[in-house]
Amino acid sequence: MSEALSDDDRKKHQVHFDRHTPEYRHEFEAITHELQSRCPIAWTDTHGGHWVASGNREVFELARSAEFLSNDHDVKGERRGYKGITIPTPPRAAEAQGGFLEMDPPEQRHYRQTLNPYLSPAAVARWVPFVDEVVRACLDEKIEEGRIDFVDDLANIVPAVLTLAMMGIPLKDWTVYNEPAHASVYTPPDSPDMPRVAELSRNMGMSLYGSLVEIRQNPRPGLIDALVRADINGKNPPDEELIGVLALLIGGGFDTTTALTAHALEWLGQNPGERDRLSRERSTLLDSATEEFLRFYAPAPGDGRTISADCEIAGQRFEEGERLWLSWAMANRDPSVFPDPDRVDMERKGNRHSSFGLGIHRCIGSNVARTVFKRMVTAVLDRMPDYRCDPEGTVHYETIGIIQGMRHLPATFTPGERLGPSLDETLEKLQRACDEQRLAEPVVRTARADTAR
């Protein structure tokens, strides 16, 4: 059989698929179920041509086949020229590696081993009082007005402040990072606002570099300190590589948790009976509800890979160099795994969603995301139990190709009383606590715990 015929045969399931269009957001459920029923692994010619995996079983098998899939973003053309995890590669990201998420082992593994002690369940648990104080202050700023934007006034702020605290960056600088972290995702490349967003991103990059240099010279606990001292495959990484890792931590720490929280609060506002039930039964329902919101509103819809060797996986033949999109969001809606997948069921059992990814690249910050989400939502249920979202003022991201996010979620509620100092005062107090109590130090398992494992 000729190569052309062989190629045609491999790509016999062809579709038009472009997740970067507004139509994909609006027609997500219909597109998902059509792909899953007709061709759970399909070929599309969009964006230079790539495979699309939408079926749960297929995504699972592919994601766990690390020996045949590469995340590498070979920016300098030193290896095989692979393009990383975004399809297509955004122009502004073409010259920078996206941290260890765009690396393969052993470098990827060494980075995760370096950062894991800062992101373990025990390490995250230490931050809960800190998170609660930031949430309290955010709600206090609006509680007397009876009006709030759950994105601008809460869900944008809390993850940003916590992420900077864990990194070792001054809390007051959260405003330097917040806007570019979100705007760089939701602003289309051809937007007239892009020059402003690019300038904000440059300022953020300069601030990151400044923190890197400062902490190297004057160490203080946090993720940056861990990275500047890290041994990655026998060497200390160059600054440009470390900046990519820090940018990854900011991107993962900011927008994803914001998106999940906003969507959950919107749904609960649209379903006040379920909102009241979640508040009443939180001791037994909060954990399963959190997993269900993660499944239904997967904040990061998927990741790209490059096929690193000719292979056959899940019944499909692939060739080295081909691009592949693994859709976590579509895999989460597969009816063969999730009965009635297009309905939120806060009690859903056996909810093995893939919203944090699968395999060796599974999200390293999943413990942080779950914790911060739960603390924000329960605080809103306690202090603004009758809130009503304003659908006219609600603004979703125009496209969901990178993050399924929201820009605004205004709401009204019965006013209440403040419980403590302002946000600015609270951040000053929490900064002192970070410095004096060294909250950003790693939590290392004891020898007994290691033995038990």
Protein backbone atom coordinates (compact mmCIF):
# COMPACT_ATOMS: atom_id res chain seq x y z
CA MET A 1 0.00 0.00 0.00
CA SER A 2 1.38 3.43 -0.90
CA GLU A 3 2.23 5.98 1.76
CA ALA A 4 -0.58 8.27 0.56
CA LEU A 5 -3.17 5.50 0.83
CA SER A 6 -1.80 4.47 4.19
CA ASP A 7 -2.07 8.03 5.44
CA ASP A 8 -5.61 8.38 4.13
CA ASP A 9 -6.56 5.15 5.81
CA ARG A 10 -5.12 6.27 9.15
CA LYS A 11 -6.98 9.57 8.93
CA LYS A 12 -10.26 8.20 7.63
CA HIS A 13 -12.15 9.79 10.55
CA GLN A 14 -11.82 13.45 9.60
CA VAL A 15 -13.69 16.32 11.22
CA HIS A 16 -13.58 20.10 11.27
CA PHE A 17 -12.60 20.96 14.84
CA ASP A 18 -11.55 24.36 16.14
CA ARG A 19 -11.85 24.84 19.87
CA HIS A 20 -10.68 28.45 19.59
CA THR A 21 -13.96 29.67 18.09
CA PRO A 22 -16.93 31.10 20.04
CA GLU A 23 -19.10 28.46 18.34
CA TYR A 24 -17.19 25.71 20.15
CA ARG A 25 -18.07 27.22 23.52
CA HIS A 26 -21.74 27.54 22.63
CA GLU A 27 -22.03 24.11 20.99
CA PHE A 28 -19.62 22.21 23.23
CA GLU A 29 -22.04 19.49 24.31
CA ALA A 30 -23.32 18.74 20.80
CA ILE A 31 -19.80 18.69 19.32
CA THR A 32 -18.55 16.48 22.14
CA HIS A 33 -21.21 13.81 21.78
CA GLU A 34 -20.99 13.79 18.00
CA LEU A 35 -17.25 13.15 18.18
CA GLN A 36 -17.59 10.51 20.88
CA SER A 37 -20.28 8.60 18.99
CA ARG A 38 -18.66 8.82 15.55
CA CYS A 39 -14.91 9.01 16.08
CA PRO A 40 -13.49 9.36 19.62
CA ILE A 41 -10.09 9.83 17.97
CA ALA A 42 -10.39 11.97 14.85
CA TRP A 43 -8.17 13.97 12.52
CA THR A 44 -8.73 17.66 11.82
CA ASP A 45 -6.88 19.82 9.29
CA THR A 46 -7.26 22.95 11.41
CA HIS A 47 -4.18 24.65 12.87
CA GLY A 48 -1.76 22.71 10.72
CA GLY A 49 -3.50 19.38 11.25
CA HIS A 50 -3.77 17.39 14.46
CA TRP A 51 -5.54 14.49 16.16
CA VAL A 52 -8.42 15.11 18.59
CA ALA A 53 -9.15 12.62 21.36
CA SER A 54 -12.58 13.07 22.96
CA GLY A 55 -13.57 9.63 24.29
CA ASN A 56 -12.86 8.94 27.94
CA ARG A 57 -11.18 5.57 27.37
CA GLU A 58 -9.12 6.92 24.49
CA VAL A 59 -7.97 10.01 26.39
CA PHE A 60 -7.05 7.85 29.38
CA GLU A 61 -4.98 5.41 27.32
CA LEU A 62 -3.22 8.16 25.39
CA ALA A 63 -2.42 10.31 28.42
CA ARG A 64 -0.81 7.37 30.17
CA SER A 65 1.34 6.43 27.16
CA ALA A 66 4.17 8.79 28.05
CA GLU A 67 6.71 6.69 26.18
CA PHE A 68 5.02 7.65 22.89
CA LEU A 69 3.89 11.20 23.69
CA SER A 70 6.01 14.30 24.26
CA ASN A 71 5.21 17.60 25.96
CA ASP A 72 8.52 19.12 24.89
CA HIS A 73 8.56 22.65 23.56
CA ASP A 74 11.89 22.85 21.74
CA VAL A 75 12.11 26.62 21.52
CA LYS A 76 15.72 26.73 20.32
CA GLY A 77 15.52 23.79 17.92
CA GLU A 78 18.07 21.80 19.87
CA ARG A 79 16.15 18.51 19.90
CA ARG A 80 13.33 17.47 17.57
CA GLY A 81 11.54 20.77 17.11
CA TYR A 82 8.39 19.81 19.02
CA LYS A 83 5.94 22.63 19.78
CA GLY A 84 4.73 21.98 23.32
CA ILE A 85 1.21 21.65 24.66
CA THR A 86 -0.72 24.40 22.85
CA ILE A 87 -2.25 23.92 19.39
CA PRO A 88 -1.54 26.19 17.65
CA THR A 89 1.43 27.66 19.49
CA PRO A 90 0.45 31.25 20.39
CA PRO A 91 2.78 33.83 18.79
CA ARG A 92 3.73 35.29 22.17
CA ALA A 93 4.62 31.81 23.48
CA ALA A 94 6.64 30.70 20.47
CA GLU A 95 9.92 31.87 22.00
CA ALA A 96 9.41 30.64 25.56
CA GLN A 97 9.02 27.22 27.11
CA GLY A 98 5.96 26.89 29.32
CA GLY A 99 7.75 25.58 32.38
CA PHE A 100 7.99 21.89 33.21
CA LEU A 101 4.57 21.27 31.65
CA GLU A 102 6.42 21.64 28.34
CA MET A 103 9.24 19.32 29.32
CA ASP A 104 9.71 15.56 29.27
CA PRO A 105 11.43 13.43 31.92
CA PRO A 106 13.88 13.52 33.50
CA GLU A 107 13.78 17.34 33.74
CA GLN A 108 10.01 17.36 34.22
CA ARG A 109 10.26 14.81 37.02
CA HIS A 110 13.03 16.70 38.81
CA TYR A 111 11.01 19.92 38.82
CA ARG A 112 8.00 18.14 40.29
CA GLN A 113 10.14 16.51 42.95
CA THR A 114 11.51 19.93 43.85
CA LEU A 115 8.09 21.54 44.23
CA ASN A 116 5.99 18.68 45.65
CA PRO A 117 6.89 19.38 49.33
CA TYR A 118 5.40 22.87 48.93
CA LEU A 119 2.15 21.62 47.37
CA SER A 120 1.38 18.45 49.33
CA PRO A 121 -1.91 18.12 51.30
CA ALA A 122 -0.01 18.81 54.53
CA ALA A 123 1.64 21.90 53.09
CA VAL A 124 -1.64 23.23 51.72
CA ALA A 125 -3.48 22.58 55.01
CA ARG A 126 -1.10 25.00 56.72
CA TRP A 127 -2.39 27.78 54.44
CA VAL A 128 -6.11 27.38 55.27
CA PRO A 129 -6.24 30.11 57.99
CA PHE A 130 -4.39 32.42 55.59
CA VAL A 131 -6.90 31.71 52.82
CA ASP A 132 -9.84 32.23 55.16
CA GLU A 133 -8.55 35.65 56.16
CA VAL A 134 -8.16 36.77 52.53
CA VAL A 135 -11.66 35.48 51.70
CA ARG A 136 -13.10 37.23 54.76
CA ALA A 137 -11.47 40.51 53.80
CA CYS A 138 -12.67 40.28 50.19
CA LEU A 139 -16.26 39.68 51.28
CA ASP A 140 -16.01 42.41 53.93
CA GLU A 141 -15.15 44.92 51.20
CA LYS A 142 -18.60 44.34 49.65
CA ILE A 143 -20.80 42.93 52.43
CA GLU A 144 -22.33 46.27 53.44
CA GLU A 145 -23.16 47.25 49.85
CA GLY A 146 -25.22 44.21 49.00
CA ARG A 147 -23.45 44.01 45.63
CA ILE A 148 -20.37 42.08 44.52
CA ASP A 149 -18.66 40.84 41.39
CA PHE A 150 -17.65 37.32 42.36
CA VAL A 151 -14.84 37.37 39.78
CA ASP A 152 -13.33 40.82 40.32
CA ASP A 153 -13.93 41.05 44.06
CA LEU A 154 -13.28 37.49 45.21
CA ALA A 155 -12.27 34.71 42.82
CA ASN A 156 -9.55 36.76 41.10
CA ILE A 157 -8.03 37.96 44.35
CA VAL A 158 -7.79 34.94 46.65
CA PRO A 159 -5.90 32.55 44.34
CA ALA A 160 -3.57 35.37 43.28
CA VAL A 161 -2.65 36.35 46.84
CA LEU A 162 -2.14 32.74 47.92
CA THR A 163 -0.02 31.90 44.88
CA LEU A 164 2.28 34.85 45.50
CA ALA A 165 2.55 33.95 49.19
CA MET A 166 3.56 30.40 48.33
CA MET A 167 6.12 31.69 45.85
CA GLY A 168 7.64 34.16 48.32
CA ILE A 169 6.56 37.31 46.44
CA PRO A 170 5.23 40.29 48.47
CA LEU A 171 1.43 40.06 48.79
CA LYS A 172 0.93 43.71 47.92
CA ASP A 173 2.17 42.92 44.40
CA TRP A 174 -0.89 40.81 43.56
CA THR A 175 -2.28 43.63 41.41
CA VAL A 176 0.86 43.56 39.24
CA TYR A 177 0.19 39.92 38.39
CA ASN A 178 -3.58 39.63 38.46
CA GLU A 179 -4.66 41.48 35.34
CA PRO A 180 -2.03 40.11 32.91
CA ALA A 181 -2.52 36.56 34.22
CA HIS A 182 -6.18 36.66 33.23
CA ALA A 183 -6.13 39.05 30.28
CA SER A 184 -3.39 37.14 28.49
CA VAL A 185 -5.79 34.17 28.36
CA TYR A 186 -9.07 35.85 27.40
CA THR A 187 -7.72 38.49 24.99
CA PRO A 188 -7.64 37.30 21.35
CA PRO A 189 -4.35 37.90 19.49
CA ASP A 190 -6.07 40.30 17.05
CA SER A 191 -7.75 42.35 19.79
CA PRO A 192 -7.03 46.09 19.81
CA ASP A 193 -6.40 45.63 23.54
CA MET A 194 -3.51 43.23 22.96
CA PRO A 195 -0.75 45.90 23.06
CA ARG A 196 -1.92 46.91 26.54
CA VAL A 197 -2.09 43.29 27.67
CA ALA A 198 1.38 42.63 26.22
CA GLU A 199 2.76 45.59 28.17
CA LEU A 200 1.16 44.30 31.38
CA SER A 201 2.69 40.89 30.71
CA ARG A 202 6.12 42.44 30.20
CA ASN A 203 5.78 44.28 33.51
CA MET A 204 4.83 41.01 35.20
CA GLY A 205 7.83 39.28 33.65
CA MET A 206 10.15 42.02 34.88
CA SER A 207 8.69 41.73 38.37
CA LEU A 208 9.16 37.97 38.31
CA TYR A 209 12.76 38.33 37.26
CA GLY A 210 13.33 40.91 39.98
CA SER A 211 11.96 38.52 42.61
CA LEU A 212 14.14 35.73 41.25
CA VAL A 213 17.30 37.83 41.55
CA GLU A 214 16.36 39.18 44.96
CA ILE A 215 15.54 35.78 46.48
CA ARG A 216 18.72 34.26 45.09
CA GLN A 217 20.70 36.98 46.87
CA ASN A 218 18.55 37.12 50.02
CA PRO A 219 16.82 33.74 50.46
CA ARG A 220 13.33 33.54 51.93
CA PRO A 221 10.98 30.55 51.99
CA GLY A 222 8.83 29.74 48.98
CA LEU A 223 8.66 28.16 45.57
CA ILE A 224 11.12 30.65 44.06
CA ASP A 225 13.72 29.81 46.70
CA ALA A 226 13.25 26.11 45.92
CA LEU A 227 13.76 26.72 42.22
CA VAL A 228 16.86 28.90 42.44
CA ARG A 229 18.52 26.16 44.50
CA ALA A 230 17.14 23.23 42.48
CA ASP A 231 19.27 20.51 40.94
CA ILE A 232 17.52 19.70 37.68
CA ASN A 233 19.16 16.74 36.01
CA GLY A 234 22.55 17.67 37.46
CA LYS A 235 22.49 21.40 36.90
CA ASN A 236 20.95 24.61 38.15
CA PRO A 237 18.62 25.87 35.39
CA PRO A 238 19.21 29.20 33.63
CA ASP A 239 17.04 32.16 34.59
CA GLU A 240 14.99 32.10 31.40
CA GLU A 241 13.96 28.53 32.13
CA LEU A 242 13.07 29.40 35.72
CA ILE A 243 10.95 32.34 34.57
CA GLY A 244 8.99 29.91 32.41
CA VAL A 245 8.41 27.69 35.42
CA LEU A 246 7.29 30.65 37.54
CA ALA A 247 4.94 31.81 34.79
CA LEU A 248 3.46 28.30 34.72
CA LEU A 249 2.85 28.40 38.47
CA ILE A 250 1.11 31.75 38.15
CA GLY A 251 -1.01 30.63 35.22
CA GLY A 252 -1.98 27.43 36.98
CA GLY A 253 -2.56 29.12 40.31
CA PHE A 254 -4.60 32.12 39.16
CA ASP A 255 -7.04 31.63 36.31
CA THR A 256 -8.06 27.99 36.72
CA THR A 257 -9.30 28.28 40.32
CA THR A 258 -10.97 31.58 39.46
CA ALA A 259 -12.80 29.93 36.56
CA LEU A 260 -13.98 26.95 38.60
CA THR A 261 -15.24 29.12 41.46
CA ALA A 262 -17.09 31.54 39.21
CA HIS A 263 -18.87 28.79 37.29
CA ALA A 264 -19.86 26.98 40.47
CA LEU A 265 -21.24 30.16 42.05
CA GLU A 266 -23.15 30.95 38.85
CA TRP A 267 -24.71 27.45 38.78
CA LEU A 268 -25.59 27.57 42.47
CA GLY A 269 -27.20 30.96 41.95
CA GLN A 270 -29.27 29.54 39.11
CA ASN A 271 -30.26 26.59 41.32
CA PRO A 272 -31.02 28.12 44.74
CA GLY A 273 -32.54 24.91 46.08
CA GLU A 274 -29.30 23.06 45.39
CA ARG A 275 -27.33 25.98 46.82
CA ASP A 276 -29.27 25.77 50.09
CA ARG A 277 -28.84 22.00 50.14
CA LEU A 278 -25.08 22.29 49.66
CA SER A 279 -24.92 24.78 52.51
CA ARG A 280 -26.95 22.56 54.84
CA GLU A 281 -25.21 19.29 53.93
CA ARG A 282 -21.70 20.54 53.30
CA SER A 283 -20.12 18.06 55.70
CA THR A 284 -21.18 15.19 53.44
CA LEU A 285 -21.78 16.94 50.12
CA LEU A 286 -18.96 19.45 49.66
CA ASP A 287 -16.32 16.98 48.53
CA SER A 288 -18.47 15.27 45.89
CA ALA A 289 -19.89 18.62 44.74
CA THR A 290 -16.35 19.96 44.27
CA GLU A 291 -15.43 17.00 42.07
CA GLU A 292 -18.63 17.42 40.09
CA PHE A 293 -18.00 21.10 39.43
CA LEU A 294 -14.49 20.16 38.35
CA ARG A 295 -15.87 17.53 35.98
CA PHE A 296 -18.60 19.70 34.52
CA TYR A 297 -16.68 22.97 34.24
CA ALA A 298 -13.17 21.62 33.56
CA PRO A 299 -11.21 24.91 33.84
CA ALA A 300 -8.35 23.79 31.58
CA PRO A 301 -10.16 21.99 28.73
CA GLY A 302 -7.20 20.00 27.43
CA ASP A 303 -3.56 19.80 26.44
CA GLY A 304 -1.57 19.16 23.30
CA ARG A 305 1.06 16.50 22.79
CA THR A 306 3.47 15.50 20.04
CA ILE A 307 3.70 11.85 18.99
CA SER A 308 7.32 10.93 19.70
CA ALA A 309 7.42 7.53 17.96
CA ASP A 310 5.32 5.59 15.47
CA CYS A 311 2.79 3.68 17.53
CA GLU A 312 -0.73 2.33 17.87
CA ILE A 313 -2.77 3.37 20.90
CA ALA A 314 -6.48 2.84 21.57
CA GLY A 315 -6.83 1.27 18.13
CA GLN A 316 -5.40 4.26 16.26
CA ARG A 317 -2.08 4.38 14.40
CA PHE A 318 0.03 7.49 14.87
CA GLU A 319 3.27 8.67 13.31
CA GLU A 320 6.17 10.46 14.94
CA GLY A 321 5.86 14.24 14.80
CA GLU A 322 2.06 14.37 14.56
CA ARG A 323 0.19 16.64 16.93
CA LEU A 324 -2.53 15.44 19.31
CA TRP A 325 -5.12 17.24 21.41
CA LEU A 326 -6.25 15.46 24.58
CA SER A 327 -9.58 16.92 25.66
CA TRP A 328 -10.06 16.54 29.40
CA ALA A 329 -13.34 18.45 29.14
CA MET A 330 -14.81 16.18 26.47
CA ALA A 331 -13.61 13.03 28.24
CA ASN A 332 -15.53 14.28 31.28
CA ARG A 333 -18.77 14.20 29.29
CA ASP A 334 -18.52 10.63 27.99
CA PRO A 335 -21.86 8.92 28.75
CA SER A 336 -20.19 5.51 28.87
CA VAL A 337 -18.43 6.62 32.06
CA PHE A 338 -20.65 9.41 33.43
CA PRO A 339 -24.42 8.72 33.33
CA ASP A 340 -26.38 11.80 32.28
CA PRO A 341 -23.08 13.65 31.72
CA ASP A 342 -24.57 17.03 30.80
CA ARG A 343 -26.24 17.46 34.19
CA VAL A 344 -24.60 18.62 37.41
CA ASP A 345 -25.12 15.96 40.09
CA MET A 346 -23.52 17.09 43.33
CA GLU A 347 -23.79 13.56 44.73
CA ARG A 348 -22.21 11.85 41.73
CA LYS A 349 -20.38 8.70 42.81
CA GLY A 350 -17.18 7.31 41.33
CA ASN A 351 -16.44 10.64 39.68
CA ARG A 352 -13.10 9.86 38.01
CA HIS A 353 -12.90 13.06 35.98
CA SER A 354 -9.73 14.15 34.20
CA SER A 355 -9.91 17.88 34.90
CA PHE A 356 -6.45 17.88 36.47
CA GLY A 357 -5.04 15.90 33.58
CA LEU A 358 -3.82 12.32 33.64
CA GLY A 359 -0.48 10.56 33.74
CA ILE A 360 2.90 12.02 34.63
CA HIS A 361 1.81 15.59 33.84
CA ARG A 362 -1.22 15.63 36.14
CA CYS A 363 -1.70 19.08 37.71
CA ILE A 364 0.77 19.57 40.54
CA GLY A 365 -1.49 22.16 42.20
CA SER A 366 -4.67 20.09 42.52
CA ASN A 367 -4.54 20.16 46.34
CA VAL A 368 -4.34 23.95 46.29
CA ALA A 369 -7.19 24.34 43.81
CA ARG A 370 -9.59 22.13 45.73
CA THR A 371 -8.83 23.81 49.06
CA VAL A 372 -9.12 27.39 47.84
CA PHE A 373 -12.32 26.63 45.93
CA LYS A 374 -14.00 25.10 48.98
CA ARG A 375 -13.02 27.95 51.29
CA MET A 376 -14.36 30.60 48.89
CA VAL A 377 -17.63 28.83 48.13
CA THR A 378 -18.49 27.98 51.73
CA ALA A 379 -17.74 31.54 52.86
CA VAL A 380 -20.15 32.88 50.24
CA LEU A 381 -22.81 30.38 51.33
CA ASP A 382 -22.39 31.54 54.93
CA ARG A 383 -22.29 35.30 54.40
CA MET A 384 -24.30 35.84 51.21
CA PRO A 385 -26.75 32.91 51.29
CA ASP A 386 -29.44 34.58 49.20
CA TYR A 387 -27.20 36.01 46.46
CA ARG A 388 -28.67 36.45 42.99
CA CYS A 389 -26.39 36.68 39.97
CA ASP A 390 -27.09 39.27 37.27
CA PRO A 391 -27.20 37.44 33.92
CA GLU A 392 -27.10 40.74 32.02
CA GLY A 393 -23.77 41.67 33.57
CA THR A 394 -22.24 38.19 33.49
CA VAL A 395 -19.39 37.87 30.99
CA HIS A 396 -17.91 34.50 30.03
CA TYR A 397 -14.67 34.16 28.12
CA GLU A 398 -15.47 34.42 24.44
CA THR A 399 -13.61 31.20 23.72
CA ILE A 400 -12.67 28.23 25.92
CA GLY A 401 -9.72 26.90 23.96
CA ILE A 402 -7.26 27.58 26.79
CA ILE A 403 -9.32 28.27 29.92
CA GLN A 404 -13.08 27.97 30.39
CA GLY A 405 -13.25 31.18 32.36
CA MET A 406 -15.38 34.17 33.29
CA ARG A 407 -14.57 37.87 33.32
CA HIS A 408 -17.49 39.12 35.40
CA LEU A 409 -20.17 37.61 37.63
CA PRO A 410 -22.05 40.44 39.37
CA ALA A 411 -24.54 39.56 42.08
CA THR A 412 -26.78 41.17 44.70
CA PHE A 413 -27.57 39.92 48.21
CA THR A 414 -28.94 41.04 51.56
CA PRO A 415 -26.28 43.32 53.09
CA GLY A 416 -24.42 42.17 56.20
CA GLU A 417 -21.78 43.36 58.64
CA ARG A 418 -18.02 43.49 58.28
CA LEU A 419 -16.07 41.05 60.40
CA GLY A 420 -12.57 42.50 60.30
CA PRO A 421 -10.06 44.91 58.77
CA SER A 422 -9.86 45.97 55.12
CA LEU A 423 -8.18 43.91 52.42
CA ASP A 424 -5.10 46.13 52.39
CA GLU A 425 -4.74 45.93 56.18
CA THR A 426 -5.31 42.19 56.07
CA LEU A 427 -2.60 41.70 53.48
CA GLU A 428 -0.16 43.69 55.61
CA LYS A 429 -0.97 41.49 58.61
CA LEU A 430 -0.69 38.30 56.57
CA GLN A 431 2.63 39.42 55.11
CA ARG A 432 4.01 39.69 58.63
CA ALA A 433 2.68 36.20 59.39
CA CYS A 434 4.35 34.80 56.26
CA ASP A 435 7.66 36.37 57.24
CA GLU A 436 7.60 35.56 60.96
CA GLN A 437 6.07 32.07 60.77
CA ARG A 438 7.86 31.12 57.53
CA LEU A 439 4.58 29.77 56.15
CA ALA A 440 6.09 29.16 52.71
CA GLU A 441 8.57 26.58 53.90
CA PRO A 442 8.17 23.05 52.51
CA VAL A 443 6.44 20.29 54.45
CA VAL A 444 8.54 17.14 54.20
CA ARG A 445 7.08 13.73 55.05
CA THR A 446 8.55 12.04 58.09
CA ALA A 447 10.62 8.87 57.79
CA ARG A 448 7.76 6.97 59.47
CA ALA A 449 5.29 8.19 56.83
CA ASP A 450 7.68 7.22 54.08
CA THR A 451 8.09 3.76 55.58
CA ALA A 452 4.33 3.36 55.83
CA ARG A 453 3.99 3.97 52.16
